[in-house]
Amino acid sequence: MSEHQSEPFDVPISDEIIRLGQFLKLANLVEAGSEARPAITAGEVKVNGEIELRRGRQLRIGDVVEYAGQAARVSDEADFDVPW
């Protein structure tokens, strides 16, 4: 993480995996899905600290995505369910 990197915030997903392009939109790291592709292909997106150039990269629970000074962690939606 860079010194300007924020702590990752959790973004719950309902399935076990999500594609990188979809996750960027879900986490509101990009405003539209169409913004994800150029950001990824330009090498501006990191997954678990490494630059990722594949928009279709499958993310799993615990993966951390960094873009534009923000970081989001893929979380299990079940962890956010209220038990009562």
C-alpha atoms as a PDB file:
ATOM      1  CA  MET A   1       0.000   0.000   0.000  1.00  0.00           C
ATOM      2  CA  SER A   2       1.196   3.489  -0.702  1.00  0.00           C
ATOM      3  CA  GLU A   3       1.523   6.059   2.054  1.00  0.00           C
ATOM      4  CA  HIS A   4      -1.586   7.813   0.698  1.00  0.00           C
ATOM      5  CA  GLN A   5      -3.603   4.584   0.763  1.00  0.00           C
ATOM      6  CA  SER A   6      -6.648   4.506   3.012  1.00  0.00           C
ATOM      7  CA  GLU A   7      -7.629   1.526   5.142  1.00  0.00           C
ATOM      8  CA  PRO A   8      -9.750  -0.890   3.102  1.00  0.00           C
ATOM      9  CA  PHE A   9     -13.503  -0.706   3.575  1.00  0.00           C
ATOM     10  CA  ASP A  10     -15.590  -3.869   3.369  1.00  0.00           C
ATOM     11  CA  VAL A  11     -17.856  -4.435   0.377  1.00  0.00           C
ATOM     12  CA  PRO A  12     -20.154  -7.456   0.823  1.00  0.00           C
ATOM     13  CA  ILE A  13     -20.896  -9.738  -2.127  1.00  0.00           C
ATOM     14  CA  SER A  14     -23.633 -12.359  -2.323  1.00  0.00           C
ATOM     15  CA  ASP A  15     -21.641 -15.000  -4.236  1.00  0.00           C
ATOM     16  CA  GLU A  16     -18.254 -16.573  -3.560  1.00  0.00           C
ATOM     17  CA  ILE A  17     -16.587 -14.703  -6.417  1.00  0.00           C
ATOM     18  CA  ILE A  18     -17.008 -11.450  -8.333  1.00  0.00           C
ATOM     19  CA  ARG A  19     -15.169 -10.119 -11.364  1.00  0.00           C
ATOM     20  CA  LEU A  20     -12.846  -7.158 -10.899  1.00  0.00           C
ATOM     21  CA  GLY A  21     -14.772  -4.843 -13.239  1.00  0.00           C
ATOM     22  CA  GLN A  22     -18.027  -5.577 -11.419  1.00  0.00           C
ATOM     23  CA  PHE A  23     -16.425  -5.090  -8.019  1.00  0.00           C
ATOM     24  CA  LEU A  24     -15.004  -1.664  -8.923  1.00  0.00           C
ATOM     25  CA  LYS A  25     -18.545  -0.508  -9.712  1.00  0.00           C
ATOM     26  CA  LEU A  26     -20.118  -2.228  -6.681  1.00  0.00           C
ATOM     27  CA  ALA A  27     -17.572  -0.611  -4.360  1.00  0.00           C
ATOM     28  CA  ASN A  28     -18.193   2.779  -6.004  1.00  0.00           C
ATOM     29  CA  LEU A  29     -14.516   3.051  -6.911  1.00  0.00           C
ATOM     30  CA  VAL A  30     -15.697   3.968 -10.429  1.00  0.00           C
ATOM     31  CA  GLU A  31     -18.952   5.734 -11.302  1.00  0.00           C
ATOM     32  CA  ALA A  32     -19.804   3.521 -14.261  1.00  0.00           C
ATOM     33  CA  GLY A  33     -18.753   0.085 -15.393  1.00  0.00           C
ATOM     34  CA  SER A  34     -17.378   1.668 -18.550  1.00  0.00           C
ATOM     35  CA  GLU A  35     -14.744   3.448 -16.423  1.00  0.00           C
ATOM     36  CA  ALA A  36     -13.390   0.161 -15.065  1.00  0.00           C
ATOM     37  CA  ARG A  37     -11.827  -1.133 -18.272  1.00  0.00           C
ATOM     38  CA  PRO A  38      -9.562   1.837 -19.060  1.00  0.00           C
ATOM     39  CA  ALA A  39      -8.460   2.086 -15.414  1.00  0.00           C
ATOM     40  CA  ILE A  40      -7.566  -1.608 -15.333  1.00  0.00           C
ATOM     41  CA  THR A  41      -5.806  -1.698 -18.718  1.00  0.00           C
ATOM     42  CA  ALA A  42      -3.804   1.419 -17.765  1.00  0.00           C
ATOM     43  CA  GLY A  43      -2.397  -0.465 -14.769  1.00  0.00           C
ATOM     44  CA  GLU A  44      -4.094   1.812 -12.233  1.00  0.00           C
ATOM     45  CA  VAL A  45      -5.819  -0.986 -10.288  1.00  0.00           C
ATOM     46  CA  LYS A  46      -4.136  -3.280  -7.789  1.00  0.00           C
ATOM     47  CA  VAL A  47      -5.418  -6.528  -6.334  1.00  0.00           C
ATOM     48  CA  ASN A  48      -3.717  -7.634  -3.117  1.00  0.00           C
ATOM     49  CA  GLY A  49      -0.943  -5.126  -3.723  1.00  0.00           C
ATOM     50  CA  GLU A  50      -0.139  -6.174  -7.300  1.00  0.00           C
ATOM     51  CA  ILE A  51      -1.168  -4.414 -10.517  1.00  0.00           C
ATOM     52  CA  GLU A  52      -3.969  -6.328 -12.230  1.00  0.00           C
ATOM     53  CA  LEU A  53      -4.596  -5.900 -15.963  1.00  0.00           C
ATOM     54  CA  ARG A  54      -7.475  -8.379 -16.350  1.00  0.00           C
ATOM     55  CA  ARG A  55     -10.972  -6.924 -15.986  1.00  0.00           C
ATOM     56  CA  GLY A  56     -12.340 -10.459 -15.668  1.00  0.00           C
ATOM     57  CA  ARG A  57     -10.034 -11.345 -12.755  1.00  0.00           C
ATOM     58  CA  GLN A  58     -12.082 -13.314 -10.256  1.00  0.00           C
ATOM     59  CA  LEU A  59     -11.991 -11.910  -6.754  1.00  0.00           C
ATOM     60  CA  ARG A  60     -12.694 -13.927  -3.637  1.00  0.00           C
ATOM     61  CA  ILE A  61     -13.563 -13.052  -0.042  1.00  0.00           C
ATOM     62  CA  GLY A  62     -10.627 -11.254   1.551  1.00  0.00           C
ATOM     63  CA  ASP A  63      -9.126  -9.833  -1.668  1.00  0.00           C
ATOM     64  CA  VAL A  64      -8.287  -6.113  -1.478  1.00  0.00           C
ATOM     65  CA  VAL A  65      -8.696  -3.851  -4.517  1.00  0.00           C
ATOM     66  CA  GLU A  66      -6.896  -0.497  -4.645  1.00  0.00           C
ATOM     67  CA  TYR A  67      -7.745   2.319  -7.054  1.00  0.00           C
ATOM     68  CA  ALA A  68      -7.449   6.109  -6.972  1.00  0.00           C
ATOM     69  CA  GLY A  69      -6.227   6.236  -3.376  1.00  0.00           C
ATOM     70  CA  GLN A  70      -8.990   4.024  -2.034  1.00  0.00           C
ATOM     71  CA  ALA A  71      -9.014   0.382  -1.014  1.00  0.00           C
ATOM     72  CA  ALA A  72     -11.974  -1.985  -0.808  1.00  0.00           C
ATOM     73  CA  ARG A  73     -12.030  -5.512   0.613  1.00  0.00           C
ATOM     74  CA  VAL A  74     -14.273  -8.241  -0.786  1.00  0.00           C
ATOM     75  CA  SER A  75     -16.435  -9.400   2.132  1.00  0.00           C
ATOM     76  CA  ASP A  76     -18.976 -12.141   2.674  1.00  0.00           C
ATOM     77  CA  GLU A  77     -22.511 -10.768   2.649  1.00  0.00           C
ATOM     78  CA  ALA A  78     -23.404 -13.304   5.370  1.00  0.00           C
ATOM     79  CA  ASP A  79     -21.059 -11.481   7.755  1.00  0.00           C
ATOM     80  CA  PHE A  80     -23.337  -8.450   7.495  1.00  0.00           C
ATOM     81  CA  ASP A  81     -26.609 -10.274   8.214  1.00  0.00           C
ATOM     82  CA  VAL A  82     -28.267  -9.469  11.524  1.00  0.00           C
ATOM     83  CA  PRO A  83     -28.698 -12.744  13.470  1.00  0.00           C
ATOM     84  CA  TRP A  84     -32.180 -11.882  14.775  1.00  0.00           C
END
